[in-house]
């Protein structure tokens, strides 16, 4: 509703630092912008598009989708060609900077392979989002802001007509899913730090969108309920069909100790009665973040 989207009321200005006032007004401006409407519209359209569908179901795969997967395969291959270096600190392996340097140089060429010749002028602008989507090369970290840049990259490809309405399922199941695989490989290989992580209060150290789209996939599932995703057996048997469970599997591979302790927010979500309630709640949370 309108009230949910409205900016929080400002108290008297002398009580709030100027920087925070500016942040609130920037936020209000952002939420009224065409870019916000486009971006959230894109996220929500895909949310509807994958509702009740498995990753393994049949869907149309167009040529641009194939080209995007090839682009991601190239990024994956570069990880193999850029092994981590020996260094004293455990996290943030400096080899990531070498890997990133290659992307920085090649990004426009990679994007040019995806878009048709008559749209070539868009490549430099679209490539910026691709470069922003893989993590920060100075801090060697990755977070949901980088993930949002990849979603914006795909949204731009839709805006210029490279991706179309009937590519919806392939955008999530083929392209975004492949992106997640490559990002997980980056996170593991270079031991990347979580960017802007809220620690135990965040949903996940690295991702957000696959939980939204993944919960939509599970709406009206005949026997999998939210309470089941904390069950190891259920995750092992179903993760290839559902993005949400794939995320849970990755968390349990990367973290030790009780799930309720290292992933408290997700643990709380497992108590929500239905997947549609989970989906709505995550969308609200995403808008707030």
C-alpha atoms as a PDB file:
ATOM      1  CA  UNK A   1       0.000   0.000   0.000  1.00  0.00           C
ATOM      2  CA  UNK A   2       0.917   3.651  -0.264  1.00  0.00           C
ATOM      3  CA  UNK A   3       1.658   3.975   3.446  1.00  0.00           C
ATOM      4  CA  UNK A   4       4.228   1.166   3.312  1.00  0.00           C
ATOM      5  CA  UNK A   5       6.135   2.926   0.515  1.00  0.00           C
ATOM      6  CA  UNK A   6       5.987   6.421   2.043  1.00  0.00           C
ATOM      7  CA  UNK A   7       9.152   7.838   3.572  1.00  0.00           C
ATOM      8  CA  UNK A   8       9.359   7.608   7.374  1.00  0.00           C
ATOM      9  CA  UNK A   9       8.295  10.906   8.981  1.00  0.00           C
ATOM     10  CA  UNK A  10      11.239  13.188   9.785  1.00  0.00           C
ATOM     11  CA  UNK A  11      11.512  14.327  13.358  1.00  0.00           C
ATOM     12  CA  UNK A  12      12.680  17.871  14.050  1.00  0.00           C
ATOM     13  CA  UNK A  13      15.812  18.393  12.042  1.00  0.00           C
ATOM     14  CA  UNK A  14      18.075  19.234  14.969  1.00  0.00           C
ATOM     15  CA  UNK A  15      17.576  15.720  16.350  1.00  0.00           C
ATOM     16  CA  UNK A  16      18.734  13.856  13.232  1.00  0.00           C
ATOM     17  CA  UNK A  17      22.194  14.289  11.695  1.00  0.00           C
ATOM     18  CA  UNK A  18      22.076  15.973   8.278  1.00  0.00           C
ATOM     19  CA  UNK A  19      23.584  12.884   6.631  1.00  0.00           C
ATOM     20  CA  UNK A  20      20.656  10.766   7.826  1.00  0.00           C
ATOM     21  CA  UNK A  21      18.085  13.313   6.640  1.00  0.00           C
ATOM     22  CA  UNK A  22      19.704  13.194   3.217  1.00  0.00           C
ATOM     23  CA  UNK A  23      19.600   9.395   3.276  1.00  0.00           C
ATOM     24  CA  UNK A  24      15.890   9.405   4.084  1.00  0.00           C
ATOM     25  CA  UNK A  25      15.115  11.893   1.306  1.00  0.00           C
ATOM     26  CA  UNK A  26      17.331   9.964  -1.141  1.00  0.00           C
ATOM     27  CA  UNK A  27      15.439   6.813  -0.203  1.00  0.00           C
ATOM     28  CA  UNK A  28      12.087   8.529  -0.766  1.00  0.00           C
ATOM     29  CA  UNK A  29      13.330   9.830  -4.132  1.00  0.00           C
ATOM     30  CA  UNK A  30      14.579   6.380  -5.124  1.00  0.00           C
ATOM     31  CA  UNK A  31      11.240   4.783  -4.264  1.00  0.00           C
ATOM     32  CA  UNK A  32       9.411   7.329  -6.438  1.00  0.00           C
ATOM     33  CA  UNK A  33      11.800   6.917  -9.364  1.00  0.00           C
ATOM     34  CA  UNK A  34      11.157   5.183 -12.667  1.00  0.00           C
ATOM     35  CA  UNK A  35      14.268   3.065 -12.040  1.00  0.00           C
ATOM     36  CA  UNK A  36      12.791   1.693  -8.797  1.00  0.00           C
ATOM     37  CA  UNK A  37       9.490   0.939 -10.540  1.00  0.00           C
ATOM     38  CA  UNK A  38      11.353  -0.827 -13.369  1.00  0.00           C
ATOM     39  CA  UNK A  39      13.609  -2.798 -11.045  1.00  0.00           C
ATOM     40  CA  UNK A  40      10.917  -3.929  -8.598  1.00  0.00           C
ATOM     41  CA  UNK A  41       8.533  -4.592 -11.496  1.00  0.00           C
ATOM     42  CA  UNK A  42      11.181  -6.843 -13.029  1.00  0.00           C
ATOM     43  CA  UNK A  43      11.767  -8.745  -9.748  1.00  0.00           C
ATOM     44  CA  UNK A  44       8.010  -9.212  -9.182  1.00  0.00           C
ATOM     45  CA  UNK A  45       7.265 -10.234 -12.777  1.00  0.00           C
ATOM     46  CA  UNK A  46       9.877 -12.981 -12.498  1.00  0.00           C
ATOM     47  CA  UNK A  47       8.454 -13.904  -9.082  1.00  0.00           C
ATOM     48  CA  UNK A  48       5.084 -14.596 -10.737  1.00  0.00           C
ATOM     49  CA  UNK A  49       6.729 -16.295 -13.724  1.00  0.00           C
ATOM     50  CA  UNK A  50       8.389 -19.036 -11.633  1.00  0.00           C
ATOM     51  CA  UNK A  51       5.506 -19.574  -9.229  1.00  0.00           C
ATOM     52  CA  UNK A  52       4.944 -23.284  -8.588  1.00  0.00           C
ATOM     53  CA  UNK A  53       7.589 -24.322 -11.172  1.00  0.00           C
ATOM     54  CA  UNK A  54      10.600 -26.595 -10.676  1.00  0.00           C
ATOM     55  CA  UNK A  55      14.113 -25.732 -11.876  1.00  0.00           C
ATOM     56  CA  UNK A  56      13.992 -28.971 -13.870  1.00  0.00           C
ATOM     57  CA  UNK A  57      10.735 -28.215 -15.726  1.00  0.00           C
ATOM     58  CA  UNK A  58      10.521 -27.531 -19.488  1.00  0.00           C
ATOM     59  CA  UNK A  59      10.827 -23.937 -20.684  1.00  0.00           C
ATOM     60  CA  UNK A  60      11.829 -22.001 -23.789  1.00  0.00           C
ATOM     61  CA  UNK A  61      15.533 -21.193 -24.195  1.00  0.00           C
ATOM     62  CA  UNK A  62      16.189 -18.376 -26.676  1.00  0.00           C
ATOM     63  CA  UNK A  63      19.490 -17.478 -28.322  1.00  0.00           C
ATOM     64  CA  UNK A  64      20.228 -14.507 -26.004  1.00  0.00           C
ATOM     65  CA  UNK A  65      19.717 -16.838 -23.004  1.00  0.00           C
ATOM     66  CA  UNK A  66      22.248 -19.305 -24.475  1.00  0.00           C
ATOM     67  CA  UNK A  67      24.692 -16.426 -25.019  1.00  0.00           C
ATOM     68  CA  UNK A  68      24.288 -15.231 -21.427  1.00  0.00           C
ATOM     69  CA  UNK A  69      25.021 -18.742 -20.146  1.00  0.00           C
ATOM     70  CA  UNK A  70      28.125 -18.837 -22.380  1.00  0.00           C
ATOM     71  CA  UNK A  71      29.217 -15.484 -20.878  1.00  0.00           C
ATOM     72  CA  UNK A  72      28.852 -16.915 -17.348  1.00  0.00           C
ATOM     73  CA  UNK A  73      30.720 -20.066 -18.398  1.00  0.00           C
ATOM     74  CA  UNK A  74      33.613 -17.816 -19.459  1.00  0.00           C
ATOM     75  CA  UNK A  75      33.682 -16.193 -15.996  1.00  0.00           C
ATOM     76  CA  UNK A  76      33.683 -19.690 -14.477  1.00  0.00           C
ATOM     77  CA  UNK A  77      36.600 -20.778 -16.676  1.00  0.00           C
ATOM     78  CA  UNK A  78      38.609 -17.718 -15.604  1.00  0.00           C
ATOM     79  CA  UNK A  79      38.288 -18.847 -11.960  1.00  0.00           C
ATOM     80  CA  UNK A  80      39.960 -22.147 -12.915  1.00  0.00           C
ATOM     81  CA  UNK A  81      42.692 -20.187 -14.716  1.00  0.00           C
ATOM     82  CA  UNK A  82      43.270 -17.901 -11.694  1.00  0.00           C
ATOM     83  CA  UNK A  83      44.004 -20.099  -8.657  1.00  0.00           C
ATOM     84  CA  UNK A  84      44.153 -18.527  -5.185  1.00  0.00           C
ATOM     85  CA  UNK A  85      47.582 -17.307  -4.060  1.00  0.00           C
ATOM     86  CA  UNK A  86      49.414 -18.133  -0.827  1.00  0.00           C
ATOM     87  CA  UNK A  87      48.927 -15.277   1.597  1.00  0.00           C
ATOM     88  CA  UNK A  88      48.972 -14.781   5.370  1.00  0.00           C
ATOM     89  CA  UNK A  89      45.310 -13.745   5.785  1.00  0.00           C
ATOM     90  CA  UNK A  90      42.673 -16.428   5.494  1.00  0.00           C
ATOM     91  CA  UNK A  91      39.948 -14.318   3.879  1.00  0.00           C
ATOM     92  CA  UNK A  92      39.921 -12.162   0.779  1.00  0.00           C
ATOM     93  CA  UNK A  93      42.389 -13.952  -1.472  1.00  0.00           C
ATOM     94  CA  UNK A  94      44.215 -11.398  -3.633  1.00  0.00           C
ATOM     95  CA  UNK A  95      43.936 -13.593  -6.741  1.00  0.00           C
ATOM     96  CA  UNK A  96      40.354 -12.289  -6.936  1.00  0.00           C
ATOM     97  CA  UNK A  97      41.801  -8.936  -8.057  1.00  0.00           C
ATOM     98  CA  UNK A  98      43.534 -10.650 -10.987  1.00  0.00           C
ATOM     99  CA  UNK A  99      40.296 -12.409 -11.912  1.00  0.00           C
ATOM    100  CA  UNK A 100      38.353  -9.151 -11.609  1.00  0.00           C
ATOM    101  CA  UNK A 101      40.945  -7.299 -13.699  1.00  0.00           C
ATOM    102  CA  UNK A 102      40.205  -9.668 -16.562  1.00  0.00           C
ATOM    103  CA  UNK A 103      36.468  -8.984 -16.310  1.00  0.00           C
ATOM    104  CA  UNK A 104      37.106  -5.250 -16.075  1.00  0.00           C
ATOM    105  CA  UNK A 105      38.999  -5.391 -19.379  1.00  0.00           C
ATOM    106  CA  UNK A 106      36.691  -7.801 -21.199  1.00  0.00           C
ATOM    107  CA  UNK A 107      33.218  -6.825 -19.898  1.00  0.00           C
ATOM    108  CA  UNK A 108      32.183  -4.709 -22.894  1.00  0.00           C
ATOM    109  CA  UNK A 109      33.321  -7.390 -25.341  1.00  0.00           C
ATOM    110  CA  UNK A 110      31.419 -10.045 -23.382  1.00  0.00           C
ATOM    111  CA  UNK A 111      28.241  -7.959 -23.370  1.00  0.00           C
ATOM    112  CA  UNK A 112      28.656  -7.275 -27.100  1.00  0.00           C
ATOM    113  CA  UNK A 113      28.393 -11.041 -27.703  1.00  0.00           C
ATOM    114  CA  UNK A 114      24.906 -11.021 -26.158  1.00  0.00           C
ATOM    115  CA  UNK A 115      23.344  -7.980 -27.823  1.00  0.00           C
ATOM    116  CA  UNK A 116      22.627  -7.613 -31.557  1.00  0.00           C
ATOM    117  CA  UNK A 117      24.792  -5.336 -33.736  1.00  0.00           C
ATOM    118  CA  UNK A 118      22.180  -2.576 -34.052  1.00  0.00           C
ATOM    119  CA  UNK A 119      22.180  -2.195 -30.241  1.00  0.00           C
ATOM    120  CA  UNK A 120      25.989  -2.209 -29.917  1.00  0.00           C
ATOM    121  CA  UNK A 121      25.980   1.351 -28.535  1.00  0.00           C
ATOM    122  CA  UNK A 122      24.286   0.045 -25.364  1.00  0.00           C
ATOM    123  CA  UNK A 123      27.160  -2.328 -24.500  1.00  0.00           C
ATOM    124  CA  UNK A 124      29.334   0.127 -22.509  1.00  0.00           C
ATOM    125  CA  UNK A 125      26.401   1.149 -20.308  1.00  0.00           C
ATOM    126  CA  UNK A 126      25.058  -2.372 -19.759  1.00  0.00           C
ATOM    127  CA  UNK A 127      28.586  -3.702 -19.061  1.00  0.00           C
ATOM    128  CA  UNK A 128      28.877  -1.485 -15.972  1.00  0.00           C
ATOM    129  CA  UNK A 129      26.153  -3.543 -14.261  1.00  0.00           C
ATOM    130  CA  UNK A 130      27.926  -6.780 -15.144  1.00  0.00           C
ATOM    131  CA  UNK A 131      31.205  -5.511 -13.634  1.00  0.00           C
ATOM    132  CA  UNK A 132      29.363  -4.413 -10.490  1.00  0.00           C
ATOM    133  CA  UNK A 133      27.688  -7.810 -10.077  1.00  0.00           C
ATOM    134  CA  UNK A 134      30.654  -9.968  -9.048  1.00  0.00           C
ATOM    135  CA  UNK A 135      31.884  -8.315  -5.854  1.00  0.00           C
ATOM    136  CA  UNK A 136      34.263  -5.537  -4.886  1.00  0.00           C
ATOM    137  CA  UNK A 137      37.885  -5.932  -5.974  1.00  0.00           C
ATOM    138  CA  UNK A 138      39.313  -3.588  -3.329  1.00  0.00           C
ATOM    139  CA  UNK A 139      37.595  -5.173  -0.338  1.00  0.00           C
ATOM    140  CA  UNK A 140      37.326  -8.640  -1.919  1.00  0.00           C
ATOM    141  CA  UNK A 141      33.763  -8.939  -0.699  1.00  0.00           C
ATOM    142  CA  UNK A 142      30.387  -9.821  -2.176  1.00  0.00           C
ATOM    143  CA  UNK A 143      26.837  -9.072  -1.028  1.00  0.00           C
ATOM    144  CA  UNK A 144      23.241  -8.496  -2.023  1.00  0.00           C
ATOM    145  CA  UNK A 145      24.099  -5.149  -3.644  1.00  0.00           C
ATOM    146  CA  UNK A 146      26.261  -7.020  -6.154  1.00  0.00           C
ATOM    147  CA  UNK A 147      23.444  -9.500  -6.699  1.00  0.00           C
ATOM    148  CA  UNK A 148      21.104  -6.527  -7.332  1.00  0.00           C
ATOM    149  CA  UNK A 149      23.536  -5.249  -9.980  1.00  0.00           C
ATOM    150  CA  UNK A 150      23.205  -8.564 -11.841  1.00  0.00           C
ATOM    151  CA  UNK A 151      19.405  -8.325 -11.667  1.00  0.00           C
ATOM    152  CA  UNK A 152      19.715  -4.742 -12.991  1.00  0.00           C
ATOM    153  CA  UNK A 153      21.983  -6.046 -15.784  1.00  0.00           C
ATOM    154  CA  UNK A 154      19.230  -8.490 -16.825  1.00  0.00           C
ATOM    155  CA  UNK A 155      16.581  -5.778 -16.421  1.00  0.00           C
ATOM    156  CA  UNK A 156      18.575  -3.542 -18.826  1.00  0.00           C
ATOM    157  CA  UNK A 157      18.687  -6.375 -21.360  1.00  0.00           C
ATOM    158  CA  UNK A 158      14.891  -6.548 -21.104  1.00  0.00           C
ATOM    159  CA  UNK A 159      14.543  -2.770 -21.496  1.00  0.00           C
ATOM    160  CA  UNK A 160      16.532  -2.771 -24.745  1.00  0.00           C
ATOM    161  CA  UNK A 161      14.559  -5.750 -26.051  1.00  0.00           C
ATOM    162  CA  UNK A 162      17.289  -8.420 -25.977  1.00  0.00           C
ATOM    163  CA  UNK A 163      15.326 -10.481 -23.435  1.00  0.00           C
ATOM    164  CA  UNK A 164      11.564 -10.852 -23.862  1.00  0.00           C
ATOM    165  CA  UNK A 165       8.501 -11.729 -21.828  1.00  0.00           C
ATOM    166  CA  UNK A 166       8.632 -15.388 -22.854  1.00  0.00           C
ATOM    167  CA  UNK A 167      12.227 -15.621 -21.529  1.00  0.00           C
ATOM    168  CA  UNK A 168      10.980 -15.203 -17.939  1.00  0.00           C
ATOM    169  CA  UNK A 169      11.538 -18.734 -16.691  1.00  0.00           C
ATOM    170  CA  UNK A 170      14.869 -19.091 -18.484  1.00  0.00           C
ATOM    171  CA  UNK A 171      16.075 -15.776 -16.977  1.00  0.00           C
ATOM    172  CA  UNK A 172      15.639 -17.208 -13.466  1.00  0.00           C
ATOM    173  CA  UNK A 173      16.217 -20.929 -13.984  1.00  0.00           C
ATOM    174  CA  UNK A 174      18.991 -20.857 -16.553  1.00  0.00           C
ATOM    175  CA  UNK A 175      20.779 -17.503 -16.354  1.00  0.00           C
ATOM    176  CA  UNK A 176      20.315 -16.421 -12.743  1.00  0.00           C
ATOM    177  CA  UNK A 177      20.855 -19.961 -11.477  1.00  0.00           C
ATOM    178  CA  UNK A 178      24.110 -20.208 -13.441  1.00  0.00           C
ATOM    179  CA  UNK A 179      25.130 -16.800 -12.051  1.00  0.00           C
ATOM    180  CA  UNK A 180      24.583 -18.150  -8.515  1.00  0.00           C
ATOM    181  CA  UNK A 181      26.782 -21.172  -9.244  1.00  0.00           C
ATOM    182  CA  UNK A 182      29.598 -18.930 -10.466  1.00  0.00           C
ATOM    183  CA  UNK A 183      29.232 -16.579  -7.471  1.00  0.00           C
ATOM    184  CA  UNK A 184      29.355 -19.509  -5.037  1.00  0.00           C
ATOM    185  CA  UNK A 185      32.526 -20.692  -6.748  1.00  0.00           C
ATOM    186  CA  UNK A 186      34.015 -17.178  -6.422  1.00  0.00           C
ATOM    187  CA  UNK A 187      33.018 -16.968  -2.749  1.00  0.00           C
ATOM    188  CA  UNK A 188      34.587 -20.350  -1.996  1.00  0.00           C
ATOM    189  CA  UNK A 189      37.712 -20.031  -4.152  1.00  0.00           C
ATOM    190  CA  UNK A 190      38.747 -16.546  -3.029  1.00  0.00           C
ATOM    191  CA  UNK A 191      37.156 -16.777   0.428  1.00  0.00           C
ATOM    192  CA  UNK A 192      35.269 -13.541  -0.106  1.00  0.00           C
ATOM    193  CA  UNK A 193      33.977 -11.528   2.831  1.00  0.00           C
ATOM    194  CA  UNK A 194      30.238 -10.826   3.064  1.00  0.00           C
ATOM    195  CA  UNK A 195      29.594  -7.188   2.023  1.00  0.00           C
ATOM    196  CA  UNK A 196      27.519  -5.085   4.380  1.00  0.00           C
ATOM    197  CA  UNK A 197      26.466  -8.237   6.206  1.00  0.00           C
ATOM    198  CA  UNK A 198      24.115  -7.943   9.142  1.00  0.00           C
ATOM    199  CA  UNK A 199      25.649 -11.134  10.493  1.00  0.00           C
ATOM    200  CA  UNK A 200      23.124 -13.287  12.298  1.00  0.00           C
ATOM    201  CA  UNK A 201      20.369 -10.700  11.683  1.00  0.00           C
ATOM    202  CA  UNK A 202      20.650 -10.884   7.913  1.00  0.00           C
ATOM    203  CA  UNK A 203      18.817 -13.430   5.829  1.00  0.00           C
ATOM    204  CA  UNK A 204      22.018 -14.751   4.258  1.00  0.00           C
ATOM    205  CA  UNK A 205      25.612 -13.524   3.947  1.00  0.00           C
ATOM    206  CA  UNK A 206      25.577 -13.318   0.163  1.00  0.00           C
ATOM    207  CA  UNK A 207      22.186 -13.696  -1.577  1.00  0.00           C
ATOM    208  CA  UNK A 208      18.565 -12.558  -1.325  1.00  0.00           C
ATOM    209  CA  UNK A 209      16.733 -12.937  -4.650  1.00  0.00           C
ATOM    210  CA  UNK A 210      16.932 -16.751  -4.850  1.00  0.00           C
ATOM    211  CA  UNK A 211      15.037 -16.878  -1.543  1.00  0.00           C
ATOM    212  CA  UNK A 212      12.263 -14.711  -3.020  1.00  0.00           C
ATOM    213  CA  UNK A 213      12.016 -16.579  -6.325  1.00  0.00           C
ATOM    214  CA  UNK A 214      12.737 -19.887  -4.603  1.00  0.00           C
ATOM    215  CA  UNK A 215       9.840 -19.440  -2.171  1.00  0.00           C
ATOM    216  CA  UNK A 216       7.568 -18.595  -5.123  1.00  0.00           C
ATOM    217  CA  UNK A 217       8.589 -21.886  -6.772  1.00  0.00           C
ATOM    218  CA  UNK A 218       7.351 -23.725  -3.676  1.00  0.00           C
ATOM    219  CA  UNK A 219       3.924 -22.035  -3.418  1.00  0.00           C
ATOM    220  CA  UNK A 220       1.163 -24.686  -3.315  1.00  0.00           C
ATOM    221  CA  UNK A 221       3.666 -27.557  -3.248  1.00  0.00           C
ATOM    222  CA  UNK A 222       1.660 -30.695  -2.330  1.00  0.00           C
ATOM    223  CA  UNK A 223       3.936 -31.774   0.529  1.00  0.00           C
ATOM    224  CA  UNK A 224       6.911 -29.435   1.084  1.00  0.00           C
ATOM    225  CA  UNK A 225       6.107 -26.814   3.715  1.00  0.00           C
ATOM    226  CA  UNK A 226       8.363 -24.060   5.082  1.00  0.00           C
ATOM    227  CA  UNK A 227       9.091 -26.161   8.186  1.00  0.00           C
ATOM    228  CA  UNK A 228      10.710 -28.808   5.964  1.00  0.00           C
ATOM    229  CA  UNK A 229      13.608 -26.724   4.659  1.00  0.00           C
ATOM    230  CA  UNK A 230      15.545 -27.125   7.904  1.00  0.00           C
ATOM    231  CA  UNK A 231      15.412 -30.919   7.421  1.00  0.00           C
ATOM    232  CA  UNK A 232      18.676 -32.119   5.874  1.00  0.00           C
ATOM    233  CA  UNK A 233      17.057 -35.110   4.160  1.00  0.00           C
ATOM    234  CA  UNK A 234      14.418 -32.929   2.451  1.00  0.00           C
ATOM    235  CA  UNK A 235      17.110 -30.503   1.248  1.00  0.00           C
ATOM    236  CA  UNK A 236      19.318 -33.299  -0.126  1.00  0.00           C
ATOM    237  CA  UNK A 237      16.428 -34.897  -1.997  1.00  0.00           C
ATOM    238  CA  UNK A 238      14.901 -31.723  -3.488  1.00  0.00           C
ATOM    239  CA  UNK A 239      17.606 -29.076  -3.932  1.00  0.00           C
ATOM    240  CA  UNK A 240      18.005 -29.697  -7.681  1.00  0.00           C
ATOM    241  CA  UNK A 241      14.365 -28.685  -8.193  1.00  0.00           C
ATOM    242  CA  UNK A 242      14.170 -25.625  -5.939  1.00  0.00           C
ATOM    243  CA  UNK A 243      16.420 -22.589  -5.676  1.00  0.00           C
ATOM    244  CA  UNK A 244      15.501 -21.976  -2.048  1.00  0.00           C
ATOM    245  CA  UNK A 245      16.756 -25.419  -1.016  1.00  0.00           C
ATOM    246  CA  UNK A 246      19.899 -24.970  -3.124  1.00  0.00           C
ATOM    247  CA  UNK A 247      20.651 -21.859  -1.019  1.00  0.00           C
ATOM    248  CA  UNK A 248      20.061 -23.784   2.215  1.00  0.00           C
ATOM    249  CA  UNK A 249      22.399 -26.534   1.031  1.00  0.00           C
ATOM    250  CA  UNK A 250      25.157 -23.989   0.319  1.00  0.00           C
ATOM    251  CA  UNK A 251      24.735 -22.398   3.776  1.00  0.00           C
ATOM    252  CA  UNK A 252      25.020 -25.781   5.512  1.00  0.00           C
ATOM    253  CA  UNK A 253      28.127 -26.605   3.468  1.00  0.00           C
ATOM    254  CA  UNK A 254      29.774 -23.307   4.433  1.00  0.00           C
ATOM    255  CA  UNK A 255      28.729 -23.020   8.086  1.00  0.00           C
ATOM    256  CA  UNK A 256      29.063 -25.259  11.102  1.00  0.00           C
ATOM    257  CA  UNK A 257      26.952 -25.489  14.232  1.00  0.00           C
ATOM    258  CA  UNK A 258      23.178 -25.463  14.767  1.00  0.00           C
ATOM    259  CA  UNK A 259      21.164 -23.927  11.910  1.00  0.00           C
ATOM    260  CA  UNK A 260      19.095 -21.868  14.371  1.00  0.00           C
ATOM    261  CA  UNK A 261      22.284 -20.154  15.555  1.00  0.00           C
ATOM    262  CA  UNK A 262      24.110 -19.368  12.307  1.00  0.00           C
ATOM    263  CA  UNK A 263      20.959 -18.593  10.269  1.00  0.00           C
ATOM    264  CA  UNK A 264      18.478 -17.271  12.782  1.00  0.00           C
ATOM    265  CA  UNK A 265      16.329 -15.306  10.315  1.00  0.00           C
ATOM    266  CA  UNK A 266      15.854 -18.355   8.091  1.00  0.00           C
ATOM    267  CA  UNK A 267      15.132 -20.484  11.127  1.00  0.00           C
ATOM    268  CA  UNK A 268      12.348 -18.029  12.050  1.00  0.00           C
ATOM    269  CA  UNK A 269      10.999 -18.157   8.487  1.00  0.00           C
ATOM    270  CA  UNK A 270      10.684 -21.951   8.739  1.00  0.00           C
ATOM    271  CA  UNK A 271       7.905 -21.343  11.293  1.00  0.00           C
ATOM    272  CA  UNK A 272       5.767 -19.383   8.786  1.00  0.00           C
ATOM    273  CA  UNK A 273       2.737 -21.517   7.844  1.00  0.00           C
ATOM    274  CA  UNK A 274       2.750 -21.177   4.027  1.00  0.00           C
ATOM    275  CA  UNK A 275       5.148 -20.465   1.167  1.00  0.00           C
ATOM    276  CA  UNK A 276       2.977 -17.614  -0.115  1.00  0.00           C
ATOM    277  CA  UNK A 277       3.308 -15.911   3.303  1.00  0.00           C
ATOM    278  CA  UNK A 278       7.083 -16.520   3.188  1.00  0.00           C
ATOM    279  CA  UNK A 279       7.203 -15.038  -0.327  1.00  0.00           C
ATOM    280  CA  UNK A 280       5.203 -11.917   0.648  1.00  0.00           C
ATOM    281  CA  UNK A 281       7.316 -11.405   3.766  1.00  0.00           C
ATOM    282  CA  UNK A 282      10.578 -11.677   1.848  1.00  0.00           C
ATOM    283  CA  UNK A 283       9.380  -9.156  -0.755  1.00  0.00           C
ATOM    284  CA  UNK A 284       8.541  -6.687   2.056  1.00  0.00           C
ATOM    285  CA  UNK A 285      11.955  -7.318   3.624  1.00  0.00           C
ATOM    286  CA  UNK A 286      13.706  -6.834   0.260  1.00  0.00           C
ATOM    287  CA  UNK A 287      11.956  -3.497  -0.351  1.00  0.00           C
ATOM    288  CA  UNK A 288      13.000  -2.317   3.118  1.00  0.00           C
ATOM    289  CA  UNK A 289      16.606  -3.347   2.560  1.00  0.00           C
END
